[in-house]
Amino acid sequence: MADTRSTSGPATPRKRADARRNEATLLAAAAAAFVASGVEAPVRDIAARAGVGMGTIYRHFPTRADLIVAVYRHQVEACAEAGPALLESSSTPQAALAAWIDLFVDFLVTKHGLAEALQSDSPSFDALHAYFVDRLVPVCAQLIDAAAASGEIRPDLDAYTLMRGIGNLCIGSGDDSRYDARRMVELVVAGLRRD
């Protein structure tokens, strides 16, 4: 019997489970290589970290820009998904917010060379900043709202402003060994507490 259900367009083929695992392994390896060497890390280093051939990387990500965008999106998604999970598992909403901010700092300080890459002429990078803001600001706002509602932090905080401030504290953290971005962010987080 023929399937008569209508669809709203052509079906997008789903990747096989092993292809999704390979892609996740490649993204993790690329992220680690980017932390160690920046976004210009050689593809052969990424392939070695992932335990695959270079051809496998190019099959998944035909250009360096494709790989950078995929790593960035993968990490944004991990950060976004962590917010609700931390609210569920943390002892208090403020503890969840602090843990999420720590993850956010990890995300920011490991982006060696990403800012320069994003300023390139590659059309692949055009929508990344909007994607970042659209995915992460609501998560931060949810955490702030929960912590404010519990009376743990000041109620007059704006998620975008907080994230922007943290981002500014993390700029150039790799350029000066005397500067500790994480310590500065800890001071900001401590200052959020209600007296």
N, C-alpha and C. Protein backbone atom coordinates (compact mmCIF):
# COMPACT_ATOMS: atom_id res chain seq x y z
N MET A 1 0.84 -1.17 0.00
CA MET A 1 0.00 0.00 0.00
C MET A 1 0.89 1.23 0.00
N ALA A 2 0.55 2.21 -0.78
CA ALA A 2 1.35 3.43 -0.88
C ALA A 2 1.08 4.33 0.31
N ASP A 3 2.10 5.06 0.71
CA ASP A 3 1.97 6.03 1.79
C ASP A 3 1.37 7.30 1.21
N THR A 4 0.19 7.67 1.69
CA THR A 4 -0.51 8.83 1.13
C THR A 4 -0.36 10.08 1.98
N ARG A 5 0.46 10.00 3.05
CA ARG A 5 0.65 11.20 3.87
C ARG A 5 1.37 12.26 3.07
N SER A 6 0.91 13.49 3.22
CA SER A 6 1.57 14.59 2.50
C SER A 6 2.74 15.10 3.31
N THR A 7 3.70 15.63 2.61
CA THR A 7 4.86 16.23 3.26
C THR A 7 4.97 17.66 2.80
N SER A 8 5.66 18.44 3.57
CA SER A 8 5.77 19.86 3.24
C SER A 8 6.96 20.15 2.34
N GLY A 9 7.57 19.16 1.81
CA GLY A 9 8.71 19.36 0.92
C GLY A 9 9.53 18.09 0.85
N PRO A 10 10.64 18.16 0.15
CA PRO A 10 11.46 16.97 0.04
C PRO A 10 12.05 16.59 1.40
N ALA A 11 12.09 15.32 1.64
CA ALA A 11 12.63 14.82 2.91
C ALA A 11 14.14 15.05 2.96
N THR A 12 14.61 15.52 4.10
CA THR A 12 16.04 15.68 4.30
C THR A 12 16.58 14.34 4.75
N PRO A 13 17.56 13.81 4.05
CA PRO A 13 18.08 12.49 4.45
C PRO A 13 18.76 12.60 5.81
N ARG A 14 18.45 11.64 6.68
CA ARG A 14 19.08 11.61 8.00
C ARG A 14 20.42 10.90 7.88
N LYS A 15 21.39 11.40 8.62
CA LYS A 15 22.70 10.76 8.62
C LYS A 15 22.61 9.46 9.40
N ARG A 16 23.37 8.49 8.96
CA ARG A 16 23.45 7.23 9.69
C ARG A 16 24.11 7.49 11.03
N ALA A 17 23.85 6.61 11.98
CA ALA A 17 24.39 6.77 13.34
C ALA A 17 25.92 6.83 13.32
N ASP A 18 26.55 5.99 12.49
CA ASP A 18 28.02 6.00 12.46
C ASP A 18 28.54 7.30 11.84
N ALA A 19 27.82 7.86 10.88
CA ALA A 19 28.23 9.14 10.28
C ALA A 19 28.09 10.27 11.30
N ARG A 20 27.04 10.21 12.12
CA ARG A 20 26.88 11.24 13.18
C ARG A 20 27.98 11.11 14.21
N ARG A 21 28.34 9.88 14.57
CA ARG A 21 29.43 9.67 15.53
C ARG A 21 30.75 10.17 14.95
N ASN A 22 31.01 9.86 13.68
CA ASN A 22 32.24 10.33 13.03
C ASN A 22 32.29 11.86 13.05
N GLU A 23 31.17 12.48 12.73
CA GLU A 23 31.13 13.94 12.70
C GLU A 23 31.38 14.51 14.09
N ALA A 24 30.76 13.92 15.12
CA ALA A 24 30.96 14.39 16.49
C ALA A 24 32.42 14.22 16.90
N THR A 25 33.05 13.11 16.52
CA THR A 25 34.46 12.89 16.82
C THR A 25 35.33 13.92 16.13
N LEU A 26 35.01 14.21 14.86
CA LEU A 26 35.77 15.22 14.12
C LEU A 26 35.62 16.60 14.75
N LEU A 27 34.41 16.94 15.17
CA LEU A 27 34.18 18.25 15.78
C LEU A 27 34.94 18.38 17.10
N ALA A 28 34.94 17.32 17.89
CA ALA A 28 35.69 17.34 19.16
C ALA A 28 37.19 17.46 18.89
N ALA A 29 37.68 16.73 17.91
CA ALA A 29 39.10 16.79 17.56
C ALA A 29 39.47 18.17 17.02
N ALA A 30 38.63 18.73 16.18
CA ALA A 30 38.89 20.06 15.64
C ALA A 30 38.86 21.10 16.74
N ALA A 31 37.90 21.00 17.66
CA ALA A 31 37.83 21.95 18.77
C ALA A 31 39.09 21.88 19.61
N ALA A 32 39.57 20.67 19.89
CA ALA A 32 40.81 20.51 20.67
C ALA A 32 42.01 21.08 19.92
N ALA A 33 42.06 20.85 18.61
CA ALA A 33 43.15 21.40 17.80
C ALA A 33 43.09 22.92 17.76
N PHE A 34 41.88 23.47 17.69
CA PHE A 34 41.73 24.93 17.66
C PHE A 34 42.17 25.54 19.00
N VAL A 35 41.88 24.85 20.11
CA VAL A 35 42.33 25.34 21.42
C VAL A 35 43.85 25.35 21.46
N ALA A 36 44.45 24.28 20.96
CA ALA A 36 45.91 24.16 21.03
C ALA A 36 46.63 25.07 20.04
N SER A 37 46.09 25.21 18.83
CA SER A 37 46.84 25.89 17.77
C SER A 37 46.09 26.98 17.04
N GLY A 38 44.84 27.25 17.42
CA GLY A 38 44.05 28.24 16.71
C GLY A 38 43.32 27.62 15.53
N VAL A 39 42.49 28.42 14.88
CA VAL A 39 41.66 27.90 13.80
C VAL A 39 42.44 27.55 12.54
N GLU A 40 43.71 27.91 12.50
CA GLU A 40 44.54 27.55 11.36
C GLU A 40 45.28 26.23 11.58
N ALA A 41 44.89 25.48 12.61
CA ALA A 41 45.51 24.18 12.88
C ALA A 41 45.49 23.33 11.62
N PRO A 42 46.60 22.65 11.32
CA PRO A 42 46.63 21.82 10.11
C PRO A 42 45.58 20.71 10.14
N VAL A 43 44.98 20.47 8.99
CA VAL A 43 43.95 19.43 8.88
C VAL A 43 44.54 18.07 9.26
N ARG A 44 45.80 17.84 8.93
CA ARG A 44 46.41 16.54 9.28
C ARG A 44 46.46 16.35 10.80
N ASP A 45 46.63 17.45 11.57
CA ASP A 45 46.62 17.35 13.03
C ASP A 45 45.22 16.99 13.53
N ILE A 46 44.22 17.60 12.93
CA ILE A 46 42.84 17.31 13.32
C ILE A 46 42.51 15.85 12.99
N ALA A 47 42.92 15.40 11.81
CA ALA A 47 42.67 14.02 11.40
C ALA A 47 43.35 13.05 12.37
N ALA A 48 44.60 13.35 12.75
CA ALA A 48 45.31 12.49 13.69
C ALA A 48 44.60 12.43 15.04
N ARG A 49 44.15 13.57 15.52
CA ARG A 49 43.42 13.60 16.80
C ARG A 49 42.15 12.77 16.74
N ALA A 50 41.47 12.82 15.58
CA ALA A 50 40.21 12.10 15.42
C ALA A 50 40.41 10.63 15.06
N GLY A 51 41.63 10.27 14.66
CA GLY A 51 41.90 8.90 14.25
C GLY A 51 41.30 8.55 12.91
N VAL A 52 41.24 9.54 12.01
CA VAL A 52 40.68 9.33 10.68
C VAL A 52 41.65 9.88 9.63
N GLY A 53 41.38 9.58 8.39
CA GLY A 53 42.16 10.14 7.30
C GLY A 53 41.67 11.54 6.96
N MET A 54 42.52 12.29 6.29
CA MET A 54 42.15 13.65 5.91
C MET A 54 40.94 13.67 4.98
N GLY A 55 40.81 12.63 4.16
CA GLY A 55 39.67 12.54 3.25
C GLY A 55 38.34 12.52 4.00
N THR A 56 38.33 11.90 5.17
CA THR A 56 37.10 11.85 5.97
C THR A 56 36.71 13.26 6.41
N ILE A 57 37.69 14.05 6.79
CA ILE A 57 37.39 15.43 7.20
C ILE A 57 36.81 16.20 6.03
N TYR A 58 37.45 16.08 4.87
CA TYR A 58 36.98 16.83 3.70
C TYR A 58 35.61 16.35 3.20
N ARG A 59 35.29 15.09 3.46
CA ARG A 59 33.97 14.59 3.10
C ARG A 59 32.89 15.26 3.95
N HIS A 60 33.19 15.43 5.22
CA HIS A 60 32.23 16.07 6.14
C HIS A 60 32.26 17.59 6.02
N PHE A 61 33.46 18.14 5.84
CA PHE A 61 33.65 19.59 5.84
C PHE A 61 34.57 19.96 4.68
N PRO A 62 33.99 20.25 3.52
CA PRO A 62 34.80 20.50 2.31
C PRO A 62 35.80 21.66 2.43
N THR A 63 35.49 22.66 3.26
CA THR A 63 36.41 23.79 3.40
C THR A 63 36.72 24.02 4.87
N ARG A 64 37.79 24.75 5.14
CA ARG A 64 38.14 25.10 6.52
C ARG A 64 37.00 25.92 7.14
N ALA A 65 36.41 26.82 6.34
CA ALA A 65 35.30 27.62 6.85
C ALA A 65 34.15 26.73 7.30
N ASP A 66 33.84 25.68 6.54
CA ASP A 66 32.78 24.74 6.93
C ASP A 66 33.09 24.09 8.28
N LEU A 67 34.35 23.72 8.47
CA LEU A 67 34.77 23.08 9.72
C LEU A 67 34.68 24.06 10.88
N ILE A 68 35.17 25.28 10.69
CA ILE A 68 35.13 26.29 11.75
C ILE A 68 33.68 26.57 12.15
N VAL A 69 32.82 26.76 11.18
CA VAL A 69 31.41 27.03 11.46
C VAL A 69 30.78 25.86 12.21
N ALA A 70 31.08 24.63 11.79
CA ALA A 70 30.49 23.46 12.45
C ALA A 70 30.97 23.33 13.89
N VAL A 71 32.26 23.57 14.14
CA VAL A 71 32.79 23.50 15.51
C VAL A 71 32.12 24.57 16.36
N TYR A 72 32.05 25.77 15.84
CA TYR A 72 31.44 26.89 16.56
C TYR A 72 29.99 26.58 16.91
N ARG A 73 29.22 26.12 15.92
CA ARG A 73 27.81 25.80 16.16
C ARG A 73 27.66 24.66 17.17
N HIS A 74 28.51 23.65 17.05
CA HIS A 74 28.48 22.51 17.96
C HIS A 74 28.71 22.98 19.40
N GLN A 75 29.68 23.87 19.58
CA GLN A 75 29.99 24.36 20.92
C GLN A 75 28.91 25.30 21.44
N VAL A 76 28.32 26.10 20.58
CA VAL A 76 27.21 26.96 21.00
C VAL A 76 26.05 26.07 21.47
N GLU A 77 25.75 25.02 20.71
CA GLU A 77 24.66 24.11 21.10
C GLU A 77 24.94 23.45 22.44
N ALA A 78 26.18 23.01 22.66
CA ALA A 78 26.53 22.38 23.94
C ALA A 78 26.33 23.37 25.08
N CYS A 79 26.72 24.60 24.88
CA CYS A 79 26.57 25.64 25.90
C CYS A 79 25.08 25.93 26.14
N ALA A 80 24.31 25.99 25.07
CA ALA A 80 22.87 26.25 25.19
C ALA A 80 22.17 25.11 25.93
N GLU A 81 22.50 23.88 25.61
CA GLU A 81 21.87 22.73 26.24
C GLU A 81 22.27 22.57 27.70
N ALA A 82 23.43 23.10 28.06
CA ALA A 82 23.91 22.99 29.43
C ALA A 82 23.07 23.80 30.41
N GLY A 83 22.51 24.93 29.96
CA GLY A 83 21.75 25.79 30.86
C GLY A 83 20.62 25.09 31.58
N PRO A 84 19.65 24.53 30.85
CA PRO A 84 18.55 23.83 31.52
C PRO A 84 19.03 22.63 32.34
N ALA A 85 20.04 21.93 31.84
CA ALA A 85 20.57 20.77 32.58
C ALA A 85 21.17 21.22 33.91
N LEU A 86 21.88 22.34 33.91
CA LEU A 86 22.47 22.84 35.15
C LEU A 86 21.39 23.31 36.12
N LEU A 87 20.32 23.91 35.61
CA LEU A 87 19.21 24.30 36.50
C LEU A 87 18.60 23.09 37.19
N GLU A 88 18.53 21.98 36.46
CA GLU A 88 17.97 20.74 37.02
C GLU A 88 18.88 20.12 38.06
N SER A 89 20.20 20.17 37.81
CA SER A 89 21.13 19.39 38.64
C SER A 89 21.87 20.19 39.71
N SER A 90 21.86 21.49 39.64
CA SER A 90 22.62 22.29 40.60
C SER A 90 21.83 22.48 41.90
N SER A 91 22.58 22.76 42.96
CA SER A 91 21.95 22.92 44.28
C SER A 91 21.08 24.16 44.35
N THR A 92 21.45 25.21 43.62
CA THR A 92 20.67 26.45 43.61
C THR A 92 20.70 27.05 42.20
N PRO A 93 19.75 27.91 41.88
CA PRO A 93 19.80 28.58 40.58
C PRO A 93 21.07 29.44 40.40
N GLN A 94 21.56 30.06 41.48
CA GLN A 94 22.78 30.86 41.39
C GLN A 94 23.97 29.96 41.08
N ALA A 95 24.01 28.76 41.67
CA ALA A 95 25.09 27.81 41.38
C ALA A 95 25.02 27.38 39.92
N ALA A 96 23.81 27.20 39.40
CA ALA A 96 23.64 26.85 37.98
C ALA A 96 24.14 27.97 37.09
N LEU A 97 23.80 29.22 37.44
CA LEU A 97 24.26 30.37 36.67
C LEU A 97 25.78 30.46 36.69
N ALA A 98 26.38 30.30 37.85
CA ALA A 98 27.84 30.37 37.97
C ALA A 98 28.51 29.27 37.15
N ALA A 99 27.97 28.05 37.20
CA ALA A 99 28.53 26.94 36.43
C ALA A 99 28.39 27.20 34.93
N TRP A 100 27.25 27.76 34.53
CA TRP A 100 27.04 28.04 33.11
C TRP A 100 27.99 29.14 32.64
N ILE A 101 28.18 30.16 33.46
CA ILE A 101 29.11 31.23 33.10
C ILE A 101 30.52 30.66 32.95
N ASP A 102 30.88 29.71 33.79
CA ASP A 102 32.18 29.06 33.68
C ASP A 102 32.31 28.35 32.32
N LEU A 103 31.26 27.65 31.90
CA LEU A 103 31.26 27.01 30.58
C LEU A 103 31.35 28.05 29.47
N PHE A 104 30.64 29.14 29.63
CA PHE A 104 30.66 30.22 28.65
C PHE A 104 32.06 30.81 28.53
N VAL A 105 32.75 30.98 29.65
CA VAL A 105 34.13 31.48 29.63
C VAL A 105 35.02 30.48 28.90
N ASP A 106 34.86 29.20 29.18
CA ASP A 106 35.63 28.18 28.44
C ASP A 106 35.42 28.33 26.95
N PHE A 107 34.17 28.50 26.57
CA PHE A 107 33.82 28.67 25.15
C PHE A 107 34.54 29.89 24.57
N LEU A 108 34.52 31.00 25.30
CA LEU A 108 35.12 32.24 24.78
C LEU A 108 36.64 32.20 24.71
N VAL A 109 37.28 31.68 25.74
CA VAL A 109 38.75 31.75 25.77
C VAL A 109 39.40 30.71 24.88
N THR A 110 38.64 29.76 24.38
CA THR A 110 39.22 28.75 23.50
C THR A 110 39.03 29.07 22.02
N LYS A 111 38.61 30.26 21.71
CA LYS A 111 38.33 30.62 20.33
C LYS A 111 39.52 31.30 19.65
N HIS A 112 40.72 30.76 19.86
CA HIS A 112 41.92 31.34 19.26
C HIS A 112 41.76 31.50 17.76
N GLY A 113 41.87 32.71 17.29
CA GLY A 113 41.82 32.97 15.86
C GLY A 113 40.43 33.06 15.28
N LEU A 114 39.40 32.77 16.08
CA LEU A 114 38.05 32.78 15.53
C LEU A 114 37.63 34.19 15.13
N ALA A 115 37.98 35.16 15.94
CA ALA A 115 37.59 36.54 15.62
C ALA A 115 38.14 36.95 14.26
N GLU A 116 39.39 36.62 14.01
CA GLU A 116 39.98 36.96 12.71
C GLU A 116 39.30 36.20 11.59
N ALA A 117 39.01 34.93 11.84
CA ALA A 117 38.34 34.12 10.81
C ALA A 117 36.96 34.68 10.50
N LEU A 118 36.26 35.14 11.53
CA LEU A 118 34.92 35.67 11.33
C LEU A 118 34.92 36.96 10.52
N GLN A 119 36.06 37.64 10.50
CA GLN A 119 36.15 38.89 9.74
C GLN A 119 36.58 38.65 8.29
N SER A 120 36.74 37.39 7.93
CA SER A 120 37.13 37.09 6.55
C SER A 120 35.94 37.32 5.62
N ASP A 121 36.17 37.14 4.34
CA ASP A 121 35.12 37.35 3.35
C ASP A 121 34.24 36.13 3.13
N SER A 122 34.46 35.07 3.90
CA SER A 122 33.70 33.84 3.70
C SER A 122 32.24 34.03 4.07
N PRO A 123 31.32 33.74 3.14
CA PRO A 123 29.90 33.87 3.45
C PRO A 123 29.45 32.88 4.54
N SER A 124 30.24 31.84 4.78
CA SER A 124 29.90 30.85 5.80
C SER A 124 29.80 31.47 7.19
N PHE A 125 30.51 32.58 7.41
CA PHE A 125 30.58 33.18 8.73
C PHE A 125 29.53 34.26 8.98
N ASP A 126 28.81 34.65 7.96
CA ASP A 126 27.91 35.80 8.07
C ASP A 126 26.89 35.70 9.21
N ALA A 127 26.31 34.55 9.41
CA ALA A 127 25.21 34.43 10.38
C ALA A 127 25.65 33.93 11.76
N LEU A 128 26.94 33.71 11.98
CA LEU A 128 27.36 33.10 13.23
C LEU A 128 27.09 33.95 14.46
N HIS A 129 27.34 35.24 14.39
CA HIS A 129 27.13 36.07 15.56
C HIS A 129 25.64 36.09 15.95
N ALA A 130 24.77 36.23 14.98
CA ALA A 130 23.33 36.22 15.27
C ALA A 130 22.91 34.87 15.86
N TYR A 131 23.47 33.80 15.33
CA TYR A 131 23.18 32.46 15.85
C TYR A 131 23.60 32.35 17.31
N PHE A 132 24.80 32.83 17.61
CA PHE A 132 25.34 32.82 18.96
C PHE A 132 24.40 33.58 19.91
N VAL A 133 24.02 34.79 19.53
CA VAL A 133 23.15 35.62 20.37
C VAL A 133 21.77 34.96 20.52
N ASP A 134 21.21 34.49 19.42
CA ASP A 134 19.87 33.89 19.45
C ASP A 134 19.80 32.64 20.32
N ARG A 135 20.87 31.86 20.34
CA ARG A 135 20.87 30.61 21.11
C ARG A 135 21.25 30.82 22.57
N LEU A 136 22.23 31.70 22.85
CA LEU A 136 22.77 31.76 24.20
C LEU A 136 22.15 32.82 25.10
N VAL A 137 21.72 33.94 24.55
CA VAL A 137 21.13 34.98 25.40
C VAL A 137 19.87 34.46 26.11
N PRO A 138 18.96 33.76 25.45
CA PRO A 138 17.78 33.24 26.17
C PRO A 138 18.15 32.25 27.28
N VAL A 139 19.18 31.45 27.06
CA VAL A 139 19.61 30.50 28.09
C VAL A 139 20.14 31.26 29.31
N CYS A 140 20.99 32.25 29.06
CA CYS A 140 21.51 33.07 30.15
C CYS A 140 20.37 33.78 30.86
N ALA A 141 19.41 34.30 30.13
CA ALA A 141 18.26 34.99 30.72
C ALA A 141 17.46 34.05 31.62
N GLN A 142 17.28 32.82 31.18
CA GLN A 142 16.54 31.84 31.98
C GLN A 142 17.26 31.59 33.31
N LEU A 143 18.58 31.47 33.25
CA LEU A 143 19.37 31.24 34.47
C LEU A 143 19.33 32.46 35.39
N ILE A 144 19.45 33.64 34.80
CA ILE A 144 19.38 34.88 35.59
C ILE A 144 18.01 35.00 36.25
N ASP A 145 16.96 34.77 35.50
CA ASP A 145 15.60 34.88 36.04
C ASP A 145 15.38 33.92 37.21
N ALA A 146 15.88 32.69 37.05
CA ALA A 146 15.72 31.70 38.13
C ALA A 146 16.49 32.13 39.38
N ALA A 147 17.70 32.61 39.20
CA ALA A 147 18.51 33.04 40.35
C ALA A 147 17.93 34.29 40.99
N ALA A 148 17.41 35.20 40.20
CA ALA A 148 16.78 36.41 40.74
C ALA A 148 15.49 36.06 41.48
N ALA A 149 14.69 35.15 40.91
CA ALA A 149 13.44 34.75 41.55
C ALA A 149 13.68 34.06 42.89
N SER A 150 14.83 33.38 43.01
CA SER A 150 15.15 32.72 44.28
C SER A 150 15.75 33.70 45.29
N GLY A 151 15.97 34.94 44.85
CA GLY A 151 16.51 35.96 45.74
C GLY A 151 18.02 35.91 45.91
N GLU A 152 18.69 35.09 45.08
CA GLU A 152 20.14 34.93 45.24
C GLU A 152 20.96 36.03 44.56
N ILE A 153 20.42 36.60 43.49
CA ILE A 153 21.15 37.65 42.78
C ILE A 153 20.24 38.86 42.58
N ARG A 154 20.86 39.94 42.18
CA ARG A 154 20.12 41.17 41.90
C ARG A 154 19.10 40.91 40.79
N PRO A 155 17.93 41.54 40.87
CA PRO A 155 16.90 41.29 39.86
C PRO A 155 17.02 42.16 38.61
N ASP A 156 17.95 43.10 38.58
CA ASP A 156 18.02 44.07 37.48
C ASP A 156 19.09 43.74 36.45
N LEU A 157 19.35 42.47 36.23
CA LEU A 157 20.39 42.05 35.30
C LEU A 157 19.84 41.76 33.91
N ASP A 158 20.54 42.18 32.91
CA ASP A 158 20.20 41.90 31.52
C ASP A 158 21.18 40.85 30.98
N ALA A 159 20.67 39.77 30.41
CA ALA A 159 21.51 38.67 29.95
C ALA A 159 22.53 39.12 28.90
N TYR A 160 22.07 39.88 27.92
CA TYR A 160 22.99 40.31 26.86
C TYR A 160 24.12 41.16 27.43
N THR A 161 23.79 42.08 28.33
CA THR A 161 24.80 42.94 28.93
C THR A 161 25.81 42.13 29.73
N LEU A 162 25.32 41.17 30.51
CA LEU A 162 26.22 40.31 31.29
C LEU A 162 27.14 39.52 30.37
N MET A 163 26.57 38.92 29.33
CA MET A 163 27.39 38.12 28.41
C MET A 163 28.40 38.99 27.67
N ARG A 164 27.97 40.17 27.29
CA ARG A 164 28.89 41.09 26.60
C ARG A 164 30.04 41.49 27.52
N GLY A 165 29.72 41.78 28.79
CA GLY A 165 30.76 42.13 29.75
C GLY A 165 31.75 40.99 29.97
N ILE A 166 31.23 39.78 30.09
CA ILE A 166 32.10 38.61 30.26
C ILE A 166 32.96 38.44 29.02
N GLY A 167 32.35 38.61 27.86
CA GLY A 167 33.12 38.52 26.61
C GLY A 167 34.25 39.53 26.57
N ASN A 168 33.96 40.75 27.00
CA ASN A 168 35.00 41.79 27.00
C ASN A 168 36.12 41.44 27.97
N LEU A 169 35.79 40.83 29.10
CA LEU A 169 36.82 40.42 30.04
C LEU A 169 37.71 39.31 29.47
N CYS A 170 37.15 38.52 28.58
CA CYS A 170 37.90 37.39 28.01
C CYS A 170 38.74 37.77 26.80
N ILE A 171 38.51 38.94 26.23
CA ILE A 171 39.27 39.36 25.05
C ILE A 171 40.74 39.48 25.41
N GLY A 172 41.56 38.89 24.60
CA GLY A 172 43.00 39.01 24.79
C GLY A 172 43.55 38.24 25.97
N SER A 173 42.78 37.30 26.50
CA SER A 173 43.25 36.56 27.68
C SER A 173 44.50 35.74 27.38
N GLY A 174 44.71 35.39 26.12
CA GLY A 174 45.89 34.62 25.77
C GLY A 174 47.11 35.48 25.48
N ASP A 175 46.93 36.79 25.38
CA ASP A 175 48.02 37.69 25.02
C ASP A 175 48.91 38.09 26.19
N ASP A 176 48.41 37.99 27.40
CA ASP A 176 49.14 38.46 28.57
C ASP A 176 49.06 37.40 29.66
N SER A 177 50.17 36.77 29.96
CA SER A 177 50.17 35.68 30.94
C SER A 177 49.83 36.17 32.34
N ARG A 178 49.95 37.47 32.59
CA ARG A 178 49.62 38.01 33.91
C ARG A 178 48.13 38.26 34.07
N TYR A 179 47.39 38.28 32.98
CA TYR A 179 45.96 38.56 33.04
C TYR A 179 45.19 37.25 33.17
N ASP A 180 44.33 37.17 34.16
CA ASP A 180 43.53 35.97 34.40
C ASP A 180 42.05 36.29 34.19
N ALA A 181 41.58 36.03 32.98
CA ALA A 181 40.19 36.34 32.63
C ALA A 181 39.23 35.60 33.54
N ARG A 182 39.53 34.36 33.84
CA ARG A 182 38.62 33.57 34.68
C ARG A 182 38.48 34.20 36.06
N ARG A 183 39.55 34.72 36.62
CA ARG A 183 39.50 35.37 37.94
C ARG A 183 38.64 36.64 37.86
N MET A 184 38.79 37.39 36.80
CA MET A 184 37.98 38.60 36.64
C MET A 184 36.50 38.26 36.53
N VAL A 185 36.18 37.20 35.80
CA VAL A 185 34.78 36.78 35.66
C VAL A 185 34.25 36.29 37.00
N GLU A 186 35.07 35.58 37.78
CA GLU A 186 34.65 35.14 39.12
C GLU A 186 34.26 36.34 39.98
N LEU A 187 35.02 37.43 39.87
CA LEU A 187 34.70 38.64 40.64
C LEU A 187 33.35 39.23 40.19
N VAL A 188 33.10 39.20 38.89
CA VAL A 188 31.81 39.69 38.37
C VAL A 188 30.68 38.82 38.91
N VAL A 189 30.85 37.51 38.84
CA VAL A 189 29.81 36.58 39.32
C VAL A 189 29.56 36.80 40.82
N ALA A 190 30.63 36.99 41.59
CA ALA A 190 30.47 37.25 43.02
C ALA A 190 29.70 38.55 43.24
N GLY A 191 29.91 39.53 42.37
CA GLY A 191 29.22 40.81 42.49
C GLY A 191 27.75 40.75 42.14
N LEU A 192 27.30 39.67 41.52
CA LEU A 192 25.89 39.51 41.18
C LEU A 192 25.05 39.18 42.41
N ARG A 193 25.70 38.63 43.41
CA ARG A 193 24.96 38.20 44.60
C ARG A 193 24.28 39.37 45.28
N ARG A 194 23.12 39.07 45.80
CA ARG A 194 22.35 40.06 46.53
C ARG A 194 22.92 40.18 47.94
N ASP A 195 23.10 41.40 48.41
CA ASP A 195 23.64 41.60 49.77
C ASP A 195 22.62 41.31 50.83
